[in-house]
Amino acid sequence: MVNAPRAASGMTVGVADLSELCPGWCTERIDGRLVARRLGTLSDYQLGRGCVDEVAAGSITELVVVCEAQNTLAKRMEVAETVRRGFAGSAA
């Protein structure tokens, strides 16, 4: 439901069902913008290196690309964090 009805406050209500296009994200349209919130949690390491819990976009295509990029970044940062812990553990 991408074209959700508008509430009295001007804010759009309803969830845009883009789960197949943006796996791992909950999406909704708010004031003409598409907003996606990550369903999973990020570590402090990931958050400190550019991963975000929420993204906004002006179109579905932009939102899909940004969510995909964020998913890739989160996966890479997870690997980096594991490597860092491995090296820190071997130095002890």
PDB file of N, CA and C in Angstrom:
ATOM      1  N   MET A   1       0.847  -1.167   0.000  1.00  0.00           N
ATOM      2  CA  MET A   1       0.000   0.000   0.000  1.00  0.00           C
ATOM      3  C   MET A   1       0.893   1.230   0.000  1.00  0.00           C
ATOM      4  N   VAL A   2       1.363   1.639  -1.135  1.00  0.00           N
ATOM      5  CA  VAL A   2       2.279   2.763  -1.234  1.00  0.00           C
ATOM      6  C   VAL A   2       1.532   4.083  -1.150  1.00  0.00           C
ATOM      7  N   ASN A   3       0.380   4.204  -1.756  1.00  0.00           N
ATOM      8  CA  ASN A   3      -0.389   5.445  -1.713  1.00  0.00           C
ATOM      9  C   ASN A   3      -1.366   5.392  -0.550  1.00  0.00           C
ATOM     10  N   ALA A   4      -0.849   5.668   0.643  1.00  0.00           N
ATOM     11  CA  ALA A   4      -1.645   5.593   1.861  1.00  0.00           C
ATOM     12  C   ALA A   4      -2.470   6.857   2.033  1.00  0.00           C
ATOM     13  N   PRO A   5      -3.616   6.753   2.726  1.00  0.00           N
ATOM     14  CA  PRO A   5      -4.450   7.942   2.951  1.00  0.00           C
ATOM     15  C   PRO A   5      -3.785   8.922   3.902  1.00  0.00           C
ATOM     16  N   ARG A   6      -4.151  10.198   3.776  1.00  0.00           N
ATOM     17  CA  ARG A   6      -3.582  11.236   4.634  1.00  0.00           C
ATOM     18  C   ARG A   6      -4.427  11.410   5.878  1.00  0.00           C
ATOM     19  N   ALA A   7      -3.748  11.612   6.996  1.00  0.00           N
ATOM     20  CA  ALA A   7      -4.430  11.884   8.258  1.00  0.00           C
ATOM     21  C   ALA A   7      -4.739  13.373   8.329  1.00  0.00           C
ATOM     22  N   ALA A   8      -5.559  13.772   9.295  1.00  0.00           N
ATOM     23  CA  ALA A   8      -5.949  15.179   9.448  1.00  0.00           C
ATOM     24  C   ALA A   8      -4.748  16.085   9.661  1.00  0.00           C
ATOM     25  N   SER A   9      -3.694  15.582  10.290  1.00  0.00           N
ATOM     26  CA  SER A   9      -2.511  16.393  10.570  1.00  0.00           C
ATOM     27  C   SER A   9      -1.650  16.618   9.337  1.00  0.00           C
ATOM     28  N   GLY A  10      -1.989  15.967   8.232  1.00  0.00           N
ATOM     29  CA  GLY A  10      -1.174  16.070   7.032  1.00  0.00           C
ATOM     30  C   GLY A  10      -0.167  14.945   6.920  1.00  0.00           C
ATOM     31  N   MET A  11      -0.027  14.195   7.993  1.00  0.00           N
ATOM     32  CA  MET A  11       0.891  13.069   7.994  1.00  0.00           C
ATOM     33  C   MET A  11       0.196  11.865   7.360  1.00  0.00           C
ATOM     34  N   THR A  12       0.909  11.137   6.556  1.00  0.00           N
ATOM     35  CA  THR A  12       0.338   9.969   5.902  1.00  0.00           C
ATOM     36  C   THR A  12       0.334   8.800   6.856  1.00  0.00           C
ATOM     37  N   VAL A  13      -0.764   8.086   6.860  1.00  0.00           N
ATOM     38  CA  VAL A  13      -0.851   6.896   7.698  1.00  0.00           C
ATOM     39  C   VAL A  13      -0.803   5.670   6.807  1.00  0.00           C
ATOM     40  N   GLY A  14      -0.412   4.573   7.368  1.00  0.00           N
ATOM     41  CA  GLY A  14      -0.382   3.332   6.609  1.00  0.00           C
ATOM     42  C   GLY A  14       1.037   2.903   6.321  1.00  0.00           C
ATOM     43  N   VAL A  15       1.180   1.630   6.080  1.00  0.00           N
ATOM     44  CA  VAL A  15       2.487   1.056   5.824  1.00  0.00           C
ATOM     45  C   VAL A  15       2.582   0.720   4.342  1.00  0.00           C
ATOM     46  N   ALA A  16       3.686   1.083   3.726  1.00  0.00           N
ATOM     47  CA  ALA A  16       3.932   0.719   2.337  1.00  0.00           C
ATOM     48  C   ALA A  16       4.515  -0.687   2.353  1.00  0.00           C
ATOM     49  N   ASP A  17       3.831  -1.650   1.772  1.00  0.00           N
ATOM     50  CA  ASP A  17       4.303  -3.030   1.805  1.00  0.00           C
ATOM     51  C   ASP A  17       5.363  -3.239   0.735  1.00  0.00           C
ATOM     52  N   LEU A  18       6.586  -2.984   1.107  1.00  0.00           N
ATOM     53  CA  LEU A  18       7.717  -3.175   0.206  1.00  0.00           C
ATOM     54  C   LEU A  18       8.648  -4.248   0.746  1.00  0.00           C
ATOM     55  N   SER A  19       8.095  -5.161   1.557  1.00  0.00           N
ATOM     56  CA  SER A  19       8.922  -6.164   2.228  1.00  0.00           C
ATOM     57  C   SER A  19       9.721  -7.027   1.253  1.00  0.00           C
ATOM     58  N   GLU A  20       9.173  -7.286   0.091  1.00  0.00           N
ATOM     59  CA  GLU A  20       9.913  -8.076  -0.890  1.00  0.00           C
ATOM     60  C   GLU A  20      11.039  -7.268  -1.522  1.00  0.00           C
ATOM     61  N   LEU A  21      10.849  -5.969  -1.649  1.00  0.00           N
ATOM     62  CA  LEU A  21      11.862  -5.110  -2.246  1.00  0.00           C
ATOM     63  C   LEU A  21      12.898  -4.631  -1.233  1.00  0.00           C
ATOM     64  N   CYS A  22      12.487  -4.513   0.025  1.00  0.00           N
ATOM     65  CA  CYS A  22      13.362  -4.019   1.096  1.00  0.00           C
ATOM     66  C   CYS A  22      13.362  -5.018   2.248  1.00  0.00           C
ATOM     67  N   PRO A  23      13.971  -6.191   2.055  1.00  0.00           N
ATOM     68  CA  PRO A  23      13.967  -7.181   3.132  1.00  0.00           C
ATOM     69  C   PRO A  23      14.712  -6.655   4.356  1.00  0.00           C
ATOM     70  N   GLY A  24      14.123  -6.919   5.530  1.00  0.00           N
ATOM     71  CA  GLY A  24      14.744  -6.470   6.766  1.00  0.00           C
ATOM     72  C   GLY A  24      14.350  -5.070   7.185  1.00  0.00           C
ATOM     73  N   TRP A  25      13.411  -4.462   6.443  1.00  0.00           N
ATOM     74  CA  TRP A  25      12.984  -3.095   6.727  1.00  0.00           C
ATOM     75  C   TRP A  25      11.464  -3.017   6.776  1.00  0.00           C
ATOM     76  N   CYS A  26      10.953  -2.147   7.632  1.00  0.00           N
ATOM     77  CA  CYS A  26       9.532  -1.813   7.680  1.00  0.00           C
ATOM     78  C   CYS A  26       9.392  -0.448   7.012  1.00  0.00           C
ATOM     79  N   THR A  27       8.519  -0.341   6.031  1.00  0.00           N
ATOM     80  CA  THR A  27       8.418   0.909   5.270  1.00  0.00           C
ATOM     81  C   THR A  27       7.059   1.560   5.443  1.00  0.00           C
ATOM     82  N   GLU A  28       7.060   2.880   5.365  1.00  0.00           N
ATOM     83  CA  GLU A  28       5.811   3.639   5.393  1.00  0.00           C
ATOM     84  C   GLU A  28       6.016   4.958   4.662  1.00  0.00           C
ATOM     85  N   ARG A  29       4.910   5.546   4.260  1.00  0.00           N
ATOM     86  CA  ARG A  29       4.964   6.837   3.584  1.00  0.00           C
ATOM     87  C   ARG A  29       4.524   7.898   4.591  1.00  0.00           C
ATOM     88  N   ILE A  30       5.390   8.902   4.800  1.00  0.00           N
ATOM     89  CA  ILE A  30       5.109   9.985   5.738  1.00  0.00           C
ATOM     90  C   ILE A  30       5.356  11.309   5.024  1.00  0.00           C
ATOM     91  N   ASP A  31       4.324  12.135   4.942  1.00  0.00           N
ATOM     92  CA  ASP A  31       4.424  13.453   4.296  1.00  0.00           C
ATOM     93  C   ASP A  31       5.088  13.382   2.923  1.00  0.00           C
ATOM     94  N   GLY A  32       4.682  12.426   2.114  1.00  0.00           N
ATOM     95  CA  GLY A  32       5.185  12.324   0.748  1.00  0.00           C
ATOM     96  C   GLY A  32       6.542  11.656   0.615  1.00  0.00           C
ATOM     97  N   ARG A  33       7.163  11.279   1.705  1.00  0.00           N
ATOM     98  CA  ARG A  33       8.464  10.608   1.679  1.00  0.00           C
ATOM     99  C   ARG A  33       8.283   9.160   2.108  1.00  0.00           C
ATOM    100  N   LEU A  34       9.073   8.300   1.542  1.00  0.00           N
ATOM    101  CA  LEU A  34       9.089   6.906   1.967  1.00  0.00           C
ATOM    102  C   LEU A  34      10.141   6.772   3.064  1.00  0.00           C
ATOM    103  N   VAL A  35       9.751   6.170   4.164  1.00  0.00           N
ATOM    104  CA  VAL A  35      10.653   5.983   5.302  1.00  0.00           C
ATOM    105  C   VAL A  35      10.756   4.492   5.575  1.00  0.00           C
ATOM    106  N   ALA A  36      11.966   4.018   5.773  1.00  0.00           N
ATOM    107  CA  ALA A  36      12.186   2.613   6.110  1.00  0.00           C
ATOM    108  C   ALA A  36      12.930   2.544   7.432  1.00  0.00           C
ATOM    109  N   ARG A  37      12.462   1.660   8.298  1.00  0.00           N
ATOM    110  CA  ARG A  37      13.111   1.437   9.589  1.00  0.00           C
ATOM    111  C   ARG A  37      13.595  -0.007   9.634  1.00  0.00           C
ATOM    112  N   ARG A  38      14.826  -0.171  10.047  1.00  0.00           N
ATOM    113  CA  ARG A  38      15.437  -1.491  10.104  1.00  0.00           C
ATOM    114  C   ARG A  38      14.724  -2.356  11.147  1.00  0.00           C
ATOM    115  N   LEU A  39      14.417  -3.600  10.802  1.00  0.00           N
ATOM    116  CA  LEU A  39      13.744  -4.507  11.727  1.00  0.00           C
ATOM    117  C   LEU A  39      14.712  -5.096  12.751  1.00  0.00           C
ATOM    118  N   GLY A  40      15.932  -5.340  12.344  1.00  0.00           N
ATOM    119  CA  GLY A  40      16.938  -5.897  13.243  1.00  0.00           C
ATOM    120  C   GLY A  40      17.678  -4.798  13.985  1.00  0.00           C
ATOM    121  N   THR A  41      18.537  -5.212  14.888  1.00  0.00           N
ATOM    122  CA  THR A  41      19.332  -4.245  15.630  1.00  0.00           C
ATOM    123  C   THR A  41      20.760  -4.218  15.105  1.00  0.00           C
ATOM    124  N   LEU A  42      21.386  -3.089  15.270  1.00  0.00           N
ATOM    125  CA  LEU A  42      22.771  -2.923  14.857  1.00  0.00           C
ATOM    126  C   LEU A  42      23.652  -2.833  16.094  1.00  0.00           C
ATOM    127  N   SER A  43      24.876  -3.279  15.952  1.00  0.00           N
ATOM    128  CA  SER A  43      25.819  -3.169  17.064  1.00  0.00           C
ATOM    129  C   SER A  43      26.347  -1.732  17.122  1.00  0.00           C
ATOM    130  N   ASP A  44      26.946  -1.382  18.235  1.00  0.00           N
ATOM    131  CA  ASP A  44      27.568  -0.062  18.362  1.00  0.00           C
ATOM    132  C   ASP A  44      28.653   0.114  17.304  1.00  0.00           C
ATOM    133  N   TYR A  45      29.363  -0.975  17.012  1.00  0.00           N
ATOM    134  CA  TYR A  45      30.409  -0.944  15.985  1.00  0.00           C
ATOM    135  C   TYR A  45      29.806  -0.539  14.633  1.00  0.00           C
ATOM    136  N   GLN A  46      28.699  -1.182  14.254  1.00  0.00           N
ATOM    137  CA  GLN A  46      28.043  -0.868  12.982  1.00  0.00           C
ATOM    138  C   GLN A  46      27.514   0.565  12.965  1.00  0.00           C
ATOM    139  N   LEU A  47      26.868   0.967  14.050  1.00  0.00           N
ATOM    140  CA  LEU A  47      26.321   2.325  14.118  1.00  0.00           C
ATOM    141  C   LEU A  47      27.418   3.381  14.028  1.00  0.00           C
ATOM    142  N   GLY A  48      28.571   3.087  14.599  1.00  0.00           N
ATOM    143  CA  GLY A  48      29.679   4.032  14.575  1.00  0.00           C
ATOM    144  C   GLY A  48      30.401   4.113  13.247  1.00  0.00           C
ATOM    145  N   ARG A  49      30.039   3.231  12.324  1.00  0.00           N
ATOM    146  CA  ARG A  49      30.716   3.189  11.029  1.00  0.00           C
ATOM    147  C   ARG A  49      29.773   3.365   9.845  1.00  0.00           C
ATOM    148  N   GLY A  50      28.666   4.069  10.070  1.00  0.00           N
ATOM    149  CA  GLY A  50      27.817   4.469   8.957  1.00  0.00           C
ATOM    150  C   GLY A  50      26.508   3.722   8.773  1.00  0.00           C
ATOM    151  N   CYS A  51      26.289   2.658   9.518  1.00  0.00           N
ATOM    152  CA  CYS A  51      25.015   1.951   9.410  1.00  0.00           C
ATOM    153  C   CYS A  51      23.951   2.744  10.168  1.00  0.00           C
ATOM    154  N   VAL A  52      22.750   2.782   9.631  1.00  0.00           N
ATOM    155  CA  VAL A  52      21.670   3.546  10.252  1.00  0.00           C
ATOM    156  C   VAL A  52      20.437   2.674  10.443  1.00  0.00           C
ATOM    157  N   ASP A  53      19.598   3.076  11.403  1.00  0.00           N
ATOM    158  CA  ASP A  53      18.359   2.352  11.700  1.00  0.00           C
ATOM    159  C   ASP A  53      17.197   2.802  10.829  1.00  0.00           C
ATOM    160  N   GLU A  54      17.307   3.993  10.244  1.00  0.00           N
ATOM    161  CA  GLU A  54      16.195   4.571   9.484  1.00  0.00           C
ATOM    162  C   GLU A  54      16.733   5.330   8.276  1.00  0.00           C
ATOM    163  N   VAL A  55      16.046   5.175   7.156  1.00  0.00           N
ATOM    164  CA  VAL A  55      16.387   5.917   5.942  1.00  0.00           C
ATOM    165  C   VAL A  55      15.113   6.502   5.338  1.00  0.00           C
ATOM    166  N   ALA A  56      15.261   7.570   4.570  1.00  0.00           N
ATOM    167  CA  ALA A  56      14.120   8.197   3.892  1.00  0.00           C
ATOM    168  C   ALA A  56      14.481   8.402   2.433  1.00  0.00           C
ATOM    169  N   ALA A  57      13.472   8.363   1.584  1.00  0.00           N
ATOM    170  CA  ALA A  57      13.694   8.523   0.144  1.00  0.00           C
ATOM    171  C   ALA A  57      12.460   9.143  -0.493  1.00  0.00           C
ATOM    172  N   GLY A  58      12.653   9.690  -1.680  1.00  0.00           N
ATOM    173  CA  GLY A  58      11.562  10.312  -2.407  1.00  0.00           C
ATOM    174  C   GLY A  58      10.847   9.377  -3.354  1.00  0.00           C
ATOM    175  N   SER A  59      11.449   8.219  -3.635  1.00  0.00           N
ATOM    176  CA  SER A  59      10.815   7.263  -4.552  1.00  0.00           C
ATOM    177  C   SER A  59      11.103   5.843  -4.086  1.00  0.00           C
ATOM    178  N   ILE A  60      10.331   4.916  -4.586  1.00  0.00           N
ATOM    179  CA  ILE A  60      10.532   3.512  -4.242  1.00  0.00           C
ATOM    180  C   ILE A  60      11.899   3.049  -4.703  1.00  0.00           C
ATOM    181  N   THR A  61      12.300   3.441  -5.900  1.00  0.00           N
ATOM    182  CA  THR A  61      13.599   3.033  -6.431  1.00  0.00           C
ATOM    183  C   THR A  61      14.729   3.515  -5.542  1.00  0.00           C
ATOM    184  N   GLU A  62      14.673   4.780  -5.139  1.00  0.00           N
ATOM    185  CA  GLU A  62      15.705   5.325  -4.261  1.00  0.00           C
ATOM    186  C   GLU A  62      15.728   4.563  -2.942  1.00  0.00           C
ATOM    187  N   LEU A  63      14.557   4.286  -2.385  1.00  0.00           N
ATOM    188  CA  LEU A  63      14.472   3.583  -1.103  1.00  0.00           C
ATOM    189  C   LEU A  63      15.073   2.186  -1.209  1.00  0.00           C
ATOM    190  N   VAL A  64      14.767   1.473  -2.272  1.00  0.00           N
ATOM    191  CA  VAL A  64      15.297   0.124  -2.465  1.00  0.00           C
ATOM    192  C   VAL A  64      16.820   0.161  -2.541  1.00  0.00           C
ATOM    193  N   VAL A  65      17.363   1.104  -3.295  1.00  0.00           N
ATOM    194  CA  VAL A  65      18.817   1.209  -3.448  1.00  0.00           C
ATOM    195  C   VAL A  65      19.478   1.534  -2.103  1.00  0.00           C
ATOM    196  N   VAL A  66      18.908   2.467  -1.363  1.00  0.00           N
ATOM    197  CA  VAL A  66      19.485   2.861  -0.072  1.00  0.00           C
ATOM    198  C   VAL A  66      19.396   1.706   0.930  1.00  0.00           C
ATOM    199  N   CYS A  67      18.268   1.028   0.998  1.00  0.00           N
ATOM    200  CA  CYS A  67      18.128  -0.109   1.913  1.00  0.00           C
ATOM    201  C   CYS A  67      19.111  -1.222   1.555  1.00  0.00           C
ATOM    202  N   GLU A  68      19.256  -1.492   0.267  1.00  0.00           N
ATOM    203  CA  GLU A  68      20.192  -2.504  -0.197  1.00  0.00           C
ATOM    204  C   GLU A  68      21.622  -2.140   0.192  1.00  0.00           C
ATOM    205  N   ALA A  69      21.979  -0.874   0.002  1.00  0.00           N
ATOM    206  CA  ALA A  69      23.315  -0.405   0.364  1.00  0.00           C
ATOM    207  C   ALA A  69      23.546  -0.521   1.866  1.00  0.00           C
ATOM    208  N   GLN A  70      22.540  -0.168   2.646  1.00  0.00           N
ATOM    209  CA  GLN A  70      22.653  -0.275   4.099  1.00  0.00           C
ATOM    210  C   GLN A  70      22.768  -1.731   4.546  1.00  0.00           C
ATOM    211  N   ASN A  71      22.042  -2.634   3.906  1.00  0.00           N
ATOM    212  CA  ASN A  71      22.146  -4.059   4.239  1.00  0.00           C
ATOM    213  C   ASN A  71      23.550  -4.574   3.958  1.00  0.00           C
ATOM    214  N   THR A  72      24.096  -4.189   2.817  1.00  0.00           N
ATOM    215  CA  THR A  72      25.450  -4.606   2.444  1.00  0.00           C
ATOM    216  C   THR A  72      26.468  -4.047   3.426  1.00  0.00           C
ATOM    217  N   LEU A  73      26.341  -2.764   3.754  1.00  0.00           N
ATOM    218  CA  LEU A  73      27.258  -2.130   4.701  1.00  0.00           C
ATOM    219  C   LEU A  73      27.189  -2.825   6.066  1.00  0.00           C
ATOM    220  N   ALA A  74      25.986  -3.115   6.544  1.00  0.00           N
ATOM    221  CA  ALA A  74      25.831  -3.762   7.845  1.00  0.00           C
ATOM    222  C   ALA A  74      26.500  -5.140   7.850  1.00  0.00           C
ATOM    223  N   LYS A  75      26.355  -5.887   6.762  1.00  0.00           N
ATOM    224  CA  LYS A  75      26.984  -7.209   6.670  1.00  0.00           C
ATOM    225  C   LYS A  75      28.504  -7.091   6.691  1.00  0.00           C
ATOM    226  N   ARG A  76      29.038  -6.132   5.938  1.00  0.00           N
ATOM    227  CA  ARG A  76      30.500  -5.924   5.891  1.00  0.00           C
ATOM    228  C   ARG A  76      31.035  -5.479   7.248  1.00  0.00           C
ATOM    229  N   MET A  77      30.297  -4.608   7.915  1.00  0.00           N
ATOM    230  CA  MET A  77      30.722  -4.143   9.233  1.00  0.00           C
ATOM    231  C   MET A  77      30.653  -5.253  10.270  1.00  0.00           C
ATOM    232  N   GLU A  78      29.707  -6.163  10.090  1.00  0.00           N
ATOM    233  CA  GLU A  78      29.619  -7.321  10.981  1.00  0.00           C
ATOM    234  C   GLU A  78      30.871  -8.190  10.840  1.00  0.00           C
ATOM    235  N   VAL A  79      31.316  -8.383   9.600  1.00  0.00           N
ATOM    236  CA  VAL A  79      32.538  -9.154   9.348  1.00  0.00           C
ATOM    237  C   VAL A  79      33.744  -8.421   9.943  1.00  0.00           C
ATOM    238  N   ALA A  80      33.818  -7.122   9.716  1.00  0.00           N
ATOM    239  CA  ALA A  80      34.933  -6.332  10.250  1.00  0.00           C
ATOM    240  C   ALA A  80      34.973  -6.391  11.771  1.00  0.00           C
ATOM    241  N   GLU A  81      33.807  -6.320  12.388  1.00  0.00           N
ATOM    242  CA  GLU A  81      33.732  -6.391  13.850  1.00  0.00           C
ATOM    243  C   GLU A  81      34.214  -7.746  14.353  1.00  0.00           C
ATOM    244  N   THR A  82      33.843  -8.808  13.657  1.00  0.00           N
ATOM    245  CA  THR A  82      34.278 -10.155  14.023  1.00  0.00           C
ATOM    246  C   THR A  82      35.791 -10.273  13.885  1.00  0.00           C
ATOM    247  N   VAL A  83      36.334  -9.747  12.808  1.00  0.00           N
ATOM    248  CA  VAL A  83      37.782  -9.773  12.590  1.00  0.00           C
ATOM    249  C   VAL A  83      38.482  -8.991  13.695  1.00  0.00           C
ATOM    250  N   ARG A  84      37.946  -7.827  14.022  1.00  0.00           N
ATOM    251  CA  ARG A  84      38.554  -7.008  15.071  1.00  0.00           C
ATOM    252  C   ARG A  84      38.573  -7.750  16.400  1.00  0.00           C
ATOM    253  N   ARG A  85      37.479  -8.386  16.745  1.00  0.00           N
ATOM    254  CA  ARG A  85      37.417  -9.147  17.995  1.00  0.00           C
ATOM    255  C   ARG A  85      38.399 -10.319  17.973  1.00  0.00           C
ATOM    256  N   GLY A  86      38.520 -10.928  16.803  1.00  0.00           N
ATOM    257  CA  GLY A  86      39.464 -12.050  16.658  1.00  0.00           C
ATOM    258  C   GLY A  86      40.890 -11.616  16.893  1.00  0.00           C
ATOM    259  N   PHE A  87      41.267 -10.476  16.332  1.00  0.00           N
ATOM    260  CA  PHE A  87      42.627  -9.962  16.516  1.00  0.00           C
ATOM    261  C   PHE A  87      42.832  -9.495  17.957  1.00  0.00           C
ATOM    262  N   ALA A  88      41.824  -8.867  18.527  1.00  0.00           N
ATOM    263  CA  ALA A  88      41.943  -8.404  19.909  1.00  0.00           C
ATOM    264  C   ALA A  88      42.064  -9.597  20.851  1.00  0.00           C
ATOM    265  N   GLY A  89      41.324 -10.668  20.562  1.00  0.00           N
ATOM    266  CA  GLY A  89      41.375 -11.858  21.391  1.00  0.00           C
ATOM    267  C   GLY A  89      42.714 -12.593  21.278  1.00  0.00           C
ATOM    268  N   SER A  90      43.331 -12.583  20.097  1.00  0.00           N
ATOM    269  CA  SER A  90      44.598 -13.279  19.912  1.00  0.00           C
ATOM    270  C   SER A  90      45.775 -12.492  20.487  1.00  0.00           C
ATOM    271  N   ALA A  91      45.582 -11.182  20.703  1.00  0.00           N
ATOM    272  CA  ALA A  91      46.659 -10.356  21.259  1.00  0.00           C
ATOM    273  C   ALA A  91      46.742 -10.511  22.772  1.00  0.00           C
ATOM    274  N   ALA A  92      45.683 -11.039  23.386  1.00  0.00           N
ATOM    275  CA  ALA A  92      45.663 -11.143  24.849  1.00  0.00           C
ATOM    276  C   ALA A  92      46.453 -12.290  25.374  1.00  0.00           C
TER     277      ALA A  92
END
